[in-house]
Amino acid sequence: MTLCPPRDLPPRNTDADSHATRGDGTARKALAASCAVTAVAFVALVGCGSAPDAPAANSSQVRLFEEAYNGITRYYIEPVQPAALAMAGLGSLAKIDAGLSVERAGDQIILHDATAATRFSAPNAQDTQGWAALTDAVMTTARGRSAIVAALSSSSLDQNMLEGTMGMLDRFSHYMGPEIARERRASREGFGGIGVSLDTEGADVRIAEVLPDTPAALAGLRVDDIIVAIDGVDTATLPREEAVQRLRGPADSIVTLALARAGLPERLRVAMQRALIVPSTVTLKEGYGVAHLRLTSFNQQTAQSLADLLRQAHREMGSALHGIILDLRGNPGGLLDQSVEAASLFLDGVPVTSTVGRVPESIQYFTAPHREVERLPLVVLVNGGSASASEVVAAALQDTGRAVVVGSASYGKGTVQNVQRMPNDGEITVTWSRLITPGGYILHEHGVVPTVCTANVTDGAGGVSSALSHSTNALSAGLGQARAGLDDAGWRKLRELCPGQRDDHEIEVQAARRLLADPVLYARALGTAPGVARPMTTARMIR
């Protein structure tokens, strides 16, 4: 299950997608799809000449579009037909070459170019396989009619078609080609590697970071070491992307590096065993009697890392630890299950979130289990860059009265995406449900509005006092109201009280520390948090 980041929020080191699944295509399906294209009636009108033969089917391409159309029609939050998806994708041909256009006329699909109109019989609107075969046939014909289309690689043309298809859906549904999809999967799920980051500037393959407790760290690699060869291949001959791929490989496999290190006259040769590397998403700062935990995204290790660092803070700070800051500013989201697990570290047996959508699998309820949880006073920081999974956590902790939320209004991305791995190793990401907070309001477009607002307040003691005083005066009457009953106008007014700001500001941390240092002030701010309303029933949401 997936919470994708908004596309106008740059991901940190991770995509916010999750639980990618490969489509259920098989060799049998591919053969059937290949055969299906022969059923696409093909007639060309080229002056007075005779119609050419139908183009041969590309079975792998037919399978790609069949699985994409299947995945979208099955999971998308609104009903959509394969016919509409295919026509939206084929409309991209006109964007590639303005001399091409595709239209539907009754039961025919017509490809126009400068000199001809080529006609294809339209399959039934629900015939996924038939529309996949037709898509392939039209694309193949367009290659023969347009030098611009012919110059594109197959993967580039597929990218254009699928982007056109996804363009008819909501803005959080999209297609990623194989190269980008592999990087996003590595960010959220981990990858076999050695645990280094490379400098992207300059000609040398230079190590910019060595992650702790990884094969690279154990082998003694250092920042500024230059990798001159990987398994005997000179890196000077490799594009940077290929160098990265050569460093990666199956966990437990062996990779051998030749390194140049400043001050050493000879190259170092190091062999190491790759391991599963999951990018770190949680950091800890200790000070002022507070554990400041910053989460940059939610991948498959986020909740465990958060739990580990909480234990570390207790171990290192002991009785001096009197409060926790959970910093979600600029966090674009990630895996839904990890956001639930992260919130559940602070919640005992209460609702965290629920999801509702068109298909039965998308209707789910998430409740924190009964177990030992962190009970120290908690402040959550959000801003206009906090989205998706980070909003799930903030809303759960705010609605249940567990934390004071400080900052500015979050982004308001409250939909869940299903990520499906395609036969070409790319991915389609399809919105399939909406999120409801424990307080009973829909998260999408509304987001989390802080109880203590720091928007447009200057840093420093004066700004902190101003922000905290607002939480107990007339402003708090607006920020502290229950949200489940608000209509659109009410939500607009609420967000106007504390507009979202993308940048981090020190005042947010200063206000959090002040709250955690003063139990009376903290209790007062917690008491003005929105009350928990009766959760909305899914019957009101299913469309």
Protein backbone atom coordinates (compact mmCIF):
# COMPACT_ATOMS: atom_id res chain seq x y z
CA MET A 1 0.00 0.00 0.00
CA THR A 2 1.32 3.35 -0.99
CA LEU A 3 1.31 6.95 0.00
CA CYS A 4 2.92 8.82 -2.86
CA PRO A 5 4.50 12.22 -2.37
CA PRO A 6 2.94 15.13 -4.20
CA ARG A 7 4.67 15.50 -7.56
CA ASP A 8 5.56 19.13 -6.84
CA LEU A 9 7.39 18.11 -3.66
CA PRO A 10 10.90 16.86 -4.39
CA PRO A 11 11.51 13.47 -2.77
CA ARG A 12 14.38 13.28 -0.30
CA ASN A 13 16.37 10.11 -0.90
CA THR A 14 13.32 8.00 -1.29
CA ASP A 15 10.18 7.70 -3.24
CA ALA A 16 7.02 7.71 -1.20
CA ASP A 17 5.64 4.68 -2.96
CA SER A 18 5.31 1.27 -1.44
CA HIS A 19 4.37 -2.34 -1.80
CA ALA A 20 5.17 -2.60 -5.49
CA THR A 21 3.68 -5.69 -7.05
CA ARG A 22 4.44 -7.25 -10.39
CA GLY A 23 1.49 -7.74 -12.68
CA ASP A 24 0.27 -11.29 -13.10
CA GLY A 25 1.28 -11.53 -16.74
CA THR A 26 2.72 -14.87 -17.89
CA ALA A 27 4.13 -16.28 -21.10
CA ARG A 28 0.64 -17.59 -21.78
CA LYS A 29 -0.82 -14.10 -21.46
CA ALA A 30 1.92 -12.63 -23.61
CA LEU A 31 1.19 -15.18 -26.33
CA ALA A 32 -2.52 -14.47 -26.09
CA ALA A 33 -1.86 -10.73 -26.33
CA SER A 34 0.35 -11.30 -29.33
CA CYS A 35 -2.38 -13.28 -31.00
CA ALA A 36 -4.95 -10.66 -30.08
CA VAL A 37 -3.35 -8.04 -32.29
CA THR A 38 -4.22 -10.12 -35.35
CA ALA A 39 -7.84 -9.47 -34.51
CA VAL A 40 -7.39 -5.72 -34.85
CA ALA A 41 -8.95 -4.86 -38.17
CA PHE A 42 -6.58 -2.59 -40.10
CA VAL A 43 -7.52 -0.52 -43.15
CA ALA A 44 -5.44 2.30 -44.64
CA LEU A 45 -6.56 5.06 -46.98
CA VAL A 46 -3.45 6.39 -48.75
CA GLY A 47 -4.54 8.33 -51.78
CA CYS A 48 -5.81 5.69 -54.19
CA GLY A 49 -3.24 3.09 -53.20
CA SER A 50 -4.07 -0.27 -51.69
CA ALA A 51 -4.11 -0.84 -47.95
CA PRO A 52 -0.84 -2.13 -46.47
CA ASP A 53 -0.67 -5.26 -44.39
CA ALA A 54 -1.35 -5.00 -40.67
CA PRO A 55 1.85 -4.46 -38.70
CA ALA A 56 3.31 -7.40 -36.82
CA ALA A 57 2.49 -7.37 -33.12
CA ASN A 58 5.16 -6.63 -30.53
CA SER A 59 4.16 -9.15 -27.85
CA SER A 60 6.18 -7.52 -25.06
CA GLN A 61 4.66 -4.13 -25.82
CA VAL A 62 1.14 -5.55 -25.97
CA ARG A 63 1.72 -7.21 -22.61
CA LEU A 64 2.99 -3.94 -21.11
CA PHE A 65 -0.12 -2.02 -22.11
CA GLU A 66 -2.47 -4.86 -21.20
CA GLU A 67 -1.09 -5.03 -17.66
CA ALA A 68 -1.14 -1.24 -17.33
CA TYR A 69 -4.77 -1.01 -18.47
CA ASN A 70 -5.70 -3.95 -16.24
CA GLY A 71 -4.05 -2.42 -13.20
CA ILE A 72 -5.66 0.96 -13.68
CA THR A 73 -9.18 -0.31 -14.35
CA ARG A 74 -8.99 -2.67 -11.40
CA TYR A 75 -7.59 -0.34 -8.74
CA TYR A 76 -8.21 3.31 -9.67
CA ILE A 77 -10.45 5.12 -7.21
CA GLU A 78 -12.91 6.09 -9.96
CA PRO A 79 -14.29 3.70 -12.61
CA VAL A 80 -12.41 4.00 -15.90
CA GLN A 81 -12.58 2.01 -19.13
CA PRO A 82 -9.66 0.59 -21.13
CA ALA A 83 -10.98 2.44 -24.16
CA ALA A 84 -10.56 5.82 -22.47
CA LEU A 85 -7.08 4.90 -21.20
CA ALA A 86 -5.90 3.81 -24.63
CA MET A 87 -7.27 6.88 -26.39
CA ALA A 88 -5.65 9.18 -23.82
CA GLY A 89 -2.31 7.48 -24.41
CA LEU A 90 -2.59 7.53 -28.19
CA GLY A 91 -3.36 11.24 -28.00
CA SER A 92 0.29 11.67 -27.04
CA LEU A 93 1.30 10.98 -30.66
CA ALA A 94 0.18 14.48 -31.59
CA LYS A 95 2.47 15.90 -28.90
CA ILE A 96 5.41 13.98 -30.36
CA ASP A 97 4.64 14.93 -33.98
CA ALA A 98 2.09 17.66 -34.65
CA GLY A 99 1.45 16.08 -38.04
CA LEU A 100 -0.18 13.08 -36.37
CA SER A 101 -3.56 12.80 -34.69
CA VAL A 102 -5.79 10.01 -33.45
CA GLU A 103 -9.59 10.20 -33.31
CA ARG A 104 -12.52 7.91 -32.77
CA ALA A 105 -15.32 7.82 -35.32
CA GLY A 106 -18.03 5.41 -34.31
CA ASP A 107 -16.53 1.94 -34.16
CA GLN A 108 -13.26 3.00 -35.79
CA ILE A 109 -10.04 4.51 -34.51
CA ILE A 110 -8.37 6.70 -37.16
CA LEU A 111 -4.68 7.65 -37.26
CA HIS A 112 -4.17 10.76 -39.39
CA ASP A 113 -0.87 11.88 -40.87
CA ALA A 114 -0.05 14.40 -43.57
CA THR A 115 -1.07 12.11 -46.44
CA ALA A 116 -3.19 9.30 -45.06
CA ALA A 117 -5.92 8.18 -42.70
CA THR A 118 -5.37 4.71 -41.31
CA ARG A 119 -8.39 3.03 -39.74
CA PHE A 120 -8.58 0.38 -37.01
CA SER A 121 -11.65 -1.35 -35.66
CA ALA A 122 -12.30 -0.32 -32.06
CA PRO A 123 -12.59 -3.17 -29.55
CA ASN A 124 -15.30 -3.32 -26.94
CA ALA A 125 -14.83 -0.49 -24.41
CA GLN A 126 -14.01 -3.01 -21.63
CA ASP A 127 -11.71 -5.24 -23.70
CA THR A 128 -8.35 -4.64 -22.02
CA GLN A 129 -6.45 -7.04 -24.24
CA GLY A 130 -8.03 -5.71 -27.40
CA TRP A 131 -7.14 -2.09 -26.56
CA ALA A 132 -3.59 -3.09 -25.67
CA ALA A 133 -3.23 -4.77 -29.05
CA LEU A 134 -4.72 -1.75 -30.79
CA THR A 135 -2.35 0.59 -28.94
CA ASP A 136 0.59 -1.45 -30.22
CA ALA A 137 -0.79 -1.49 -33.77
CA VAL A 138 -1.34 2.27 -33.88
CA MET A 139 2.11 2.97 -32.41
CA THR A 140 3.76 0.66 -34.92
CA THR A 141 1.90 2.29 -37.81
CA ALA A 142 2.85 5.75 -36.52
CA ARG A 143 6.52 4.73 -36.62
CA GLY A 144 6.15 4.02 -40.30
CA ARG A 145 4.42 7.34 -40.97
CA SER A 146 6.51 9.73 -38.88
CA ALA A 147 10.28 10.17 -38.87
CA ILE A 148 9.98 11.87 -35.48
CA VAL A 149 8.21 8.89 -33.91
CA ALA A 150 10.55 6.46 -35.65
CA ALA A 151 13.53 8.23 -34.09
CA LEU A 152 12.29 7.48 -30.58
CA SER A 153 13.45 4.37 -28.77
CA SER A 154 10.77 1.85 -27.85
CA SER A 155 11.11 2.73 -24.17
CA SER A 156 10.72 6.46 -24.91
CA LEU A 157 7.61 5.85 -26.99
CA ASP A 158 6.16 3.60 -24.27
CA GLN A 159 6.92 6.36 -21.75
CA ASN A 160 5.03 8.93 -23.83
CA MET A 161 2.03 6.64 -24.32
CA LEU A 162 1.74 5.66 -20.66
CA GLU A 163 2.25 9.21 -19.45
CA GLY A 164 -0.61 10.21 -21.73
CA THR A 165 -2.75 7.43 -20.28
CA MET A 166 -1.96 8.37 -16.68
CA GLY A 167 -2.58 12.03 -17.50
CA MET A 168 -6.34 11.40 -17.58
CA LEU A 169 -6.23 10.26 -13.93
CA ASP A 170 -5.57 12.35 -10.81
CA ARG A 171 -2.25 14.14 -10.32
CA PHE A 172 -0.89 11.49 -7.95
CA SER A 173 -1.20 8.66 -10.47
CA HIS A 174 1.75 8.32 -12.81
CA TYR A 175 4.10 6.05 -14.72
CA MET A 176 7.83 5.67 -14.11
CA GLY A 177 10.19 4.15 -16.64
CA PRO A 178 12.48 1.27 -15.64
CA GLU A 179 15.54 3.33 -14.63
CA ILE A 180 13.72 5.73 -12.32
CA ALA A 181 11.47 2.97 -10.98
CA ARG A 182 14.49 0.90 -9.96
CA GLU A 183 15.94 3.85 -8.04
CA ARG A 184 12.64 4.49 -6.27
CA ARG A 185 12.30 0.83 -5.33
CA ALA A 186 15.82 0.88 -3.95
CA SER A 187 14.99 3.92 -1.83
CA ARG A 188 11.87 2.48 -0.27
CA GLU A 189 12.75 -1.22 -0.12
CA GLY A 190 16.54 -1.26 -0.01
CA PHE A 191 19.08 -2.70 -2.44
CA GLY A 192 22.12 -4.92 -2.51
CA GLY A 193 25.13 -2.63 -2.22
CA ILE A 194 28.12 -1.54 -0.16
CA GLY A 195 26.77 1.58 1.56
CA VAL A 196 28.33 4.61 -0.12
CA SER A 197 27.04 7.76 -1.77
CA LEU A 198 28.95 9.12 -4.75
CA ASP A 199 29.77 12.72 -5.57
CA THR A 200 27.80 13.74 -8.65
CA GLU A 201 30.21 16.53 -9.59
CA GLY A 202 33.49 16.10 -11.42
CA ALA A 203 34.87 13.33 -13.57
CA ASP A 204 36.09 11.06 -10.78
CA VAL A 205 33.87 8.51 -9.05
CA ARG A 206 34.49 9.97 -5.59
CA ILE A 207 32.91 8.72 -2.36
CA ALA A 208 30.85 11.50 -0.75
CA GLU A 209 29.46 9.49 2.19
CA VAL A 210 30.07 6.15 3.86
CA LEU A 211 27.06 4.85 5.75
CA PRO A 212 27.81 3.38 9.17
CA ASP A 213 27.59 -0.38 9.76
CA THR A 214 27.74 -1.19 6.06
CA PRO A 215 30.25 -3.26 4.05
CA ALA A 216 32.00 -0.06 2.95
CA ALA A 217 32.43 1.13 6.54
CA LEU A 218 33.64 -2.27 7.72
CA ALA A 219 36.14 -2.41 4.84
CA GLY A 220 37.60 0.97 5.78
CA LEU A 221 36.41 3.05 2.83
CA ARG A 222 36.58 6.81 3.44
CA VAL A 223 34.99 9.98 2.17
CA ASP A 224 37.04 11.38 -0.76
CA ASP A 225 38.37 7.96 -1.76
CA ILE A 226 38.21 7.71 -5.56
CA ILE A 227 36.90 4.46 -7.04
CA VAL A 228 39.09 3.87 -10.07
CA ALA A 229 37.89 0.36 -10.94
CA ILE A 230 34.95 -1.93 -10.11
CA ASP A 231 35.55 -5.63 -10.66
CA GLY A 232 38.45 -4.73 -12.93
CA VAL A 233 36.50 -2.25 -15.09
CA ASP A 234 38.01 1.24 -15.19
CA THR A 235 35.36 3.71 -13.93
CA ALA A 236 36.71 6.40 -16.26
CA THR A 237 35.06 4.44 -19.08
CA LEU A 238 31.68 4.22 -17.34
CA PRO A 239 28.77 6.66 -17.16
CA ARG A 240 28.03 7.54 -13.53
CA GLU A 241 24.74 5.60 -13.56
CA GLU A 242 26.51 2.44 -14.72
CA ALA A 243 29.14 2.83 -12.01
CA VAL A 244 26.35 2.94 -9.43
CA GLN A 245 24.73 -0.16 -10.89
CA ARG A 246 28.03 -2.04 -10.82
CA LEU A 247 28.43 -1.25 -7.13
CA ARG A 248 25.03 -2.80 -6.56
CA GLY A 249 24.18 -6.45 -6.85
CA PRO A 250 22.60 -9.31 -4.95
CA ALA A 251 23.14 -9.23 -1.20
CA ASP A 252 26.04 -11.52 -0.18
CA SER A 253 27.69 -11.26 -3.61
CA ILE A 254 31.31 -10.07 -3.83
CA VAL A 255 32.51 -6.83 -5.42
CA THR A 256 36.16 -5.79 -5.77
CA LEU A 257 37.23 -2.15 -5.88
CA ALA A 258 40.45 -0.37 -6.76
CA LEU A 259 40.74 2.90 -4.83
CA ALA A 260 42.93 5.98 -5.01
CA ARG A 261 43.42 7.67 -1.63
CA ALA A 262 45.14 10.98 -1.02
CA GLY A 263 48.59 10.50 0.50
CA LEU A 264 49.01 6.92 -0.69
CA PRO A 265 51.25 6.29 -3.70
CA GLU A 266 49.57 3.05 -4.73
CA ARG A 267 46.04 1.96 -5.32
CA LEU A 268 44.15 0.10 -2.64
CA ARG A 269 42.34 -3.08 -3.60
CA VAL A 270 39.38 -4.03 -1.46
CA ALA A 271 36.96 -6.94 -1.80
CA MET A 272 33.73 -6.86 0.15
CA GLN A 273 30.44 -8.69 0.40
CA ARG A 274 27.38 -6.69 -0.56
CA ALA A 275 24.52 -6.36 1.94
CA LEU A 276 20.95 -5.11 1.91
CA ILE A 277 21.20 -1.32 2.18
CA VAL A 278 18.11 0.61 3.26
CA PRO A 279 18.60 4.41 3.18
CA SER A 280 18.40 6.03 6.59
CA THR A 281 15.33 8.22 7.12
CA VAL A 282 15.57 9.09 10.85
CA THR A 283 18.14 11.19 12.70
CA LEU A 284 18.47 12.06 16.40
CA LYS A 285 19.71 15.23 18.08
CA GLU A 286 19.91 15.43 21.86
CA GLY A 287 19.87 18.63 23.88
CA TYR A 288 17.82 20.84 26.22
CA GLY A 289 16.45 17.65 27.81
CA VAL A 290 14.74 16.83 24.49
CA ALA A 291 15.15 14.08 21.92
CA HIS A 292 14.72 15.75 18.51
CA LEU A 293 13.89 13.02 15.98
CA ARG A 294 13.68 14.08 12.35
CA LEU A 295 12.01 11.85 9.76
CA THR A 296 12.79 12.68 6.14
CA SER A 297 10.50 10.03 4.59
CA PHE A 298 8.94 6.65 5.35
CA ASN A 299 10.66 3.58 3.92
CA GLN A 300 10.52 0.01 5.18
CA GLN A 301 12.97 0.67 8.04
CA THR A 302 11.59 3.99 9.30
CA ALA A 303 9.48 2.75 12.22
CA GLN A 304 12.21 0.41 13.45
CA SER A 305 14.82 3.16 13.16
CA LEU A 306 12.57 5.52 15.09
CA ALA A 307 12.08 2.94 17.84
CA ASP A 308 15.83 2.28 18.01
CA LEU A 309 16.68 5.97 18.31
CA LEU A 310 14.01 6.49 20.97
CA ARG A 311 15.67 3.76 23.03
CA GLN A 312 19.06 5.33 22.37
CA ALA A 313 17.82 8.71 23.62
CA HIS A 314 16.51 7.18 26.84
CA ARG A 315 19.75 5.27 27.33
CA GLU A 316 22.00 8.27 26.74
CA MET A 317 19.94 11.02 28.38
CA GLY A 318 18.39 9.07 31.23
CA SER A 319 16.30 11.09 33.65
CA ALA A 320 17.32 14.34 31.91
CA LEU A 321 15.06 13.41 29.00
CA HIS A 322 11.73 15.12 29.57
CA GLY A 323 10.22 15.45 26.08
CA ILE A 324 10.32 14.45 22.40
CA ILE A 325 10.14 16.44 19.18
CA LEU A 326 8.94 14.44 16.18
CA ASP A 327 10.03 16.58 13.24
CA LEU A 328 8.06 15.91 10.05
CA ARG A 329 8.78 19.21 8.29
CA GLY A 330 9.41 18.72 4.60
CA ASN A 331 8.66 14.99 4.82
CA PRO A 332 6.90 14.10 1.54
CA GLY A 333 5.55 10.74 2.73
CA GLY A 334 6.21 7.09 2.01
CA LEU A 335 4.88 3.75 3.11
CA LEU A 336 1.48 3.72 4.79
CA ASP A 337 2.24 0.75 7.04
CA GLN A 338 5.37 2.51 8.29
CA SER A 339 3.43 5.66 9.14
CA VAL A 340 0.96 3.54 11.13
CA GLU A 341 3.83 1.77 12.92
CA ALA A 342 5.56 5.06 13.68
CA ALA A 343 2.41 6.61 15.15
CA SER A 344 1.77 3.41 17.12
CA LEU A 345 5.04 3.88 19.02
CA PHE A 346 3.20 6.66 20.88
CA LEU A 347 -0.39 5.35 20.85
CA ASP A 348 -1.93 2.50 22.81
CA GLY A 349 -4.96 0.74 21.34
CA VAL A 350 -6.54 3.73 19.57
CA PRO A 351 -7.37 4.37 15.89
CA VAL A 352 -4.54 5.66 13.70
CA THR A 353 -6.25 6.06 10.32
CA SER A 354 -8.66 4.40 7.91
CA THR A 355 -8.89 4.23 4.12
CA VAL A 356 -11.87 4.10 1.78
CA GLY A 357 -12.02 3.53 -1.94
CA ARG A 358 -13.91 1.83 -4.77
CA VAL A 359 -12.56 -1.72 -4.47
CA PRO A 360 -13.09 -3.78 -1.30
CA GLU A 361 -9.34 -4.22 -0.71
CA SER A 362 -8.96 -0.45 -0.36
CA ILE A 363 -11.28 -0.23 2.67
CA GLN A 364 -9.08 -0.70 5.73
CA TYR A 365 -8.89 0.31 9.39
CA PHE A 366 -5.61 0.78 11.26
CA THR A 367 -5.49 0.72 15.06
CA ALA A 368 -2.43 0.92 17.29
CA PRO A 369 -1.96 -2.35 19.19
CA HIS A 370 -2.04 -2.56 22.98
CA ARG A 371 1.60 -2.57 24.04
CA GLU A 372 4.18 -0.57 25.93
CA VAL A 373 4.50 2.81 24.22
CA GLU A 374 6.47 6.03 24.58
CA ARG A 375 4.62 8.28 27.06
CA LEU A 376 6.84 11.37 27.41
CA PRO A 377 5.32 14.69 26.32
CA LEU A 378 5.43 14.94 22.53
CA VAL A 379 5.47 17.82 20.06
CA VAL A 380 5.09 17.21 16.31
CA LEU A 381 6.48 19.71 13.80
CA VAL A 382 4.85 20.09 10.37
CA ASN A 383 4.93 22.62 7.54
CA GLY A 384 3.68 23.03 3.99
CA GLY A 385 6.15 20.38 2.81
CA SER A 386 4.75 17.70 5.15
CA ALA A 387 2.58 15.40 3.09
CA SER A 388 1.00 11.99 2.80
CA ALA A 389 2.41 9.50 5.35
CA SER A 390 3.77 12.30 7.52
CA GLU A 391 0.26 13.79 7.65
CA VAL A 392 -1.12 10.41 8.75
CA VAL A 393 1.23 10.44 11.75
CA ALA A 394 0.61 14.09 12.66
CA ALA A 395 -3.18 13.78 12.36
CA ALA A 396 -3.28 10.59 14.43
CA LEU A 397 -1.22 12.12 17.23
CA GLN A 398 -3.18 15.37 17.15
CA ASP A 399 -6.67 13.87 16.93
CA THR A 400 -6.07 11.42 19.78
CA GLY A 401 -4.73 14.16 22.03
CA ARG A 402 -1.30 12.54 22.24
CA ALA A 403 0.77 15.46 20.89
CA VAL A 404 0.78 19.19 20.34
CA VAL A 405 1.29 19.98 16.65
CA VAL A 406 3.44 23.06 15.97
CA GLY A 407 4.25 24.79 12.69
CA SER A 408 2.19 25.71 9.64
CA ALA A 409 -0.54 23.87 7.73
CA SER A 410 0.62 20.68 6.01
CA TYR A 411 0.31 20.01 2.28
CA GLY A 412 -3.00 18.13 2.29
CA LYS A 413 -2.25 14.98 0.32
CA GLY A 414 -4.56 12.35 1.77
CA THR A 415 -4.78 9.64 -0.87
CA VAL A 416 -3.18 6.19 -1.01
CA GLN A 417 -1.55 4.80 -4.12
CA ASN A 418 -1.19 1.22 -5.33
CA VAL A 419 2.16 0.65 -7.05
CA GLN A 420 2.37 -2.07 -9.67
CA ARG A 421 5.55 -3.31 -11.27
CA MET A 422 5.29 -3.59 -15.02
CA PRO A 423 6.79 -6.26 -17.32
CA ASN A 424 9.44 -3.77 -18.51
CA ASP A 425 10.53 -3.16 -14.86
CA GLY A 426 8.81 0.21 -14.79
CA GLU A 427 5.93 1.04 -12.45
CA ILE A 428 2.46 2.48 -12.58
CA THR A 429 1.25 4.25 -9.45
CA VAL A 430 -2.54 4.42 -9.15
CA THR A 431 -4.59 6.28 -6.55
CA TRP A 432 -6.97 3.77 -4.98
CA SER A 433 -8.22 5.18 -1.65
CA ARG A 434 -8.65 8.23 0.56
CA LEU A 435 -7.53 8.63 4.16
CA ILE A 436 -9.74 9.48 7.12
CA THR A 437 -8.18 10.67 10.38
CA PRO A 438 -9.19 9.40 13.85
CA GLY A 439 -11.07 12.69 14.27
CA GLY A 440 -13.33 11.73 11.38
CA TYR A 441 -12.25 14.18 8.68
CA ILE A 442 -10.94 13.49 5.20
CA LEU A 443 -7.23 14.28 5.07
CA HIS A 444 -7.09 15.04 1.36
CA GLU A 445 -7.02 18.76 0.48
CA HIS A 446 -7.39 19.56 4.20
CA GLY A 447 -4.16 18.37 5.75
CA VAL A 448 -3.11 18.93 9.34
CA VAL A 449 -3.51 22.42 10.79
CA PRO A 450 -1.27 22.95 13.85
CA THR A 451 -2.56 23.83 17.29
CA VAL A 452 0.38 26.20 17.81
CA CYS A 453 0.88 28.19 14.62
CA THR A 454 4.28 29.65 13.74
CA ALA A 455 3.41 30.83 10.23
CA ASN A 456 4.68 34.35 9.57
CA VAL A 457 6.15 34.61 13.08
CA THR A 458 9.78 35.69 13.44
CA ASP A 459 12.45 33.61 15.15
CA GLY A 460 13.54 34.49 18.65
CA ALA A 461 12.04 34.70 22.12
CA GLY A 462 9.48 37.31 21.10
CA GLY A 463 8.20 35.19 18.24
CA VAL A 464 7.97 32.10 20.44
CA SER A 465 5.97 34.01 23.06
CA SER A 466 3.68 35.36 20.35
CA ALA A 467 3.06 31.91 18.83
CA LEU A 468 2.40 30.32 22.21
CA SER A 469 0.13 33.11 23.38
CA HIS A 470 -1.96 32.67 20.24
CA SER A 471 -2.62 29.09 21.30
CA THR A 472 -4.53 30.37 24.34
CA ASN A 473 -6.33 33.36 22.85
CA ALA A 474 -8.95 33.94 20.16
CA LEU A 475 -6.84 32.22 17.50
CA SER A 476 -6.99 28.99 19.47
CA ALA A 477 -10.77 28.98 19.16
CA GLY A 478 -10.29 28.53 15.44
CA LEU A 479 -7.26 26.24 15.52
CA GLY A 480 -8.73 24.12 18.31
CA GLN A 481 -12.12 23.44 16.75
CA ALA A 482 -13.16 19.92 15.79
CA ARG A 483 -12.56 19.39 12.09
CA ALA A 484 -14.93 16.55 11.16
CA GLY A 485 -17.94 18.85 10.73
CA LEU A 486 -16.23 21.55 8.67
CA ASP A 487 -17.44 22.22 5.16
CA ASP A 488 -15.15 23.49 2.39
CA ALA A 489 -15.58 27.11 3.47
CA GLY A 490 -14.76 26.16 7.05
CA TRP A 491 -11.60 24.39 5.94
CA ARG A 492 -10.50 27.37 3.88
CA LYS A 493 -10.90 29.65 6.88
CA LEU A 494 -9.06 27.21 9.13
CA ARG A 495 -6.08 26.92 6.78
CA GLU A 496 -6.03 30.70 6.33
CA LEU A 497 -5.46 31.01 10.08
CA CYS A 498 -2.18 29.12 9.69
CA PRO A 499 -1.09 29.00 6.02
CA GLY A 500 1.43 26.38 4.97
CA GLN A 501 5.06 27.45 4.54
CA ARG A 502 7.65 25.20 2.89
CA ASP A 503 10.81 26.42 4.59
CA ASP A 504 12.09 25.25 7.97
CA HIS A 505 12.23 27.94 10.65
CA GLU A 506 14.08 27.78 13.95
CA ILE A 507 11.02 29.18 15.72
CA GLU A 508 9.26 25.83 15.31
CA VAL A 509 11.98 24.06 17.25
CA GLN A 510 12.18 26.89 19.79
CA ALA A 511 8.44 26.76 20.42
CA ALA A 512 8.55 22.98 20.81
CA ARG A 513 11.36 23.18 23.37
CA ARG A 514 9.50 25.87 25.29
CA LEU A 515 6.35 23.75 25.43
CA LEU A 516 8.25 20.66 26.58
CA ALA A 517 10.10 22.65 29.27
CA ASP A 518 6.86 23.96 30.80
CA PRO A 519 4.34 21.23 31.82
CA VAL A 520 1.59 23.79 32.48
CA LEU A 521 2.03 25.44 29.07
CA TYR A 522 2.21 22.03 27.37
CA ALA A 523 -0.99 20.84 29.07
CA ARG A 524 -2.75 24.06 28.11
CA ALA A 525 -1.73 23.69 24.45
CA LEU A 526 -2.69 20.01 24.46
CA GLY A 527 -6.07 20.93 25.87
CA THR A 528 -6.82 23.21 22.93
CA ALA A 529 -6.13 20.47 20.38
CA PRO A 530 -9.10 19.45 18.21
CA GLY A 531 -11.37 17.00 19.99
CA VAL A 532 -11.81 13.47 18.69
CA ALA A 533 -15.04 13.14 16.76
CA ARG A 534 -16.93 10.00 15.90
CA PRO A 535 -15.16 8.39 12.91
CA MET A 536 -16.91 8.73 9.59
CA THR A 537 -18.46 5.51 8.32
CA THR A 538 -17.20 4.06 5.08
CA ALA A 539 -20.76 3.85 3.80
CA ARG A 540 -20.69 7.62 3.37
CA MET A 541 -17.46 7.46 1.40
CA ILE A 542 -17.77 4.58 -1.05
CA ARG A 543 -18.37 5.95 -4.52
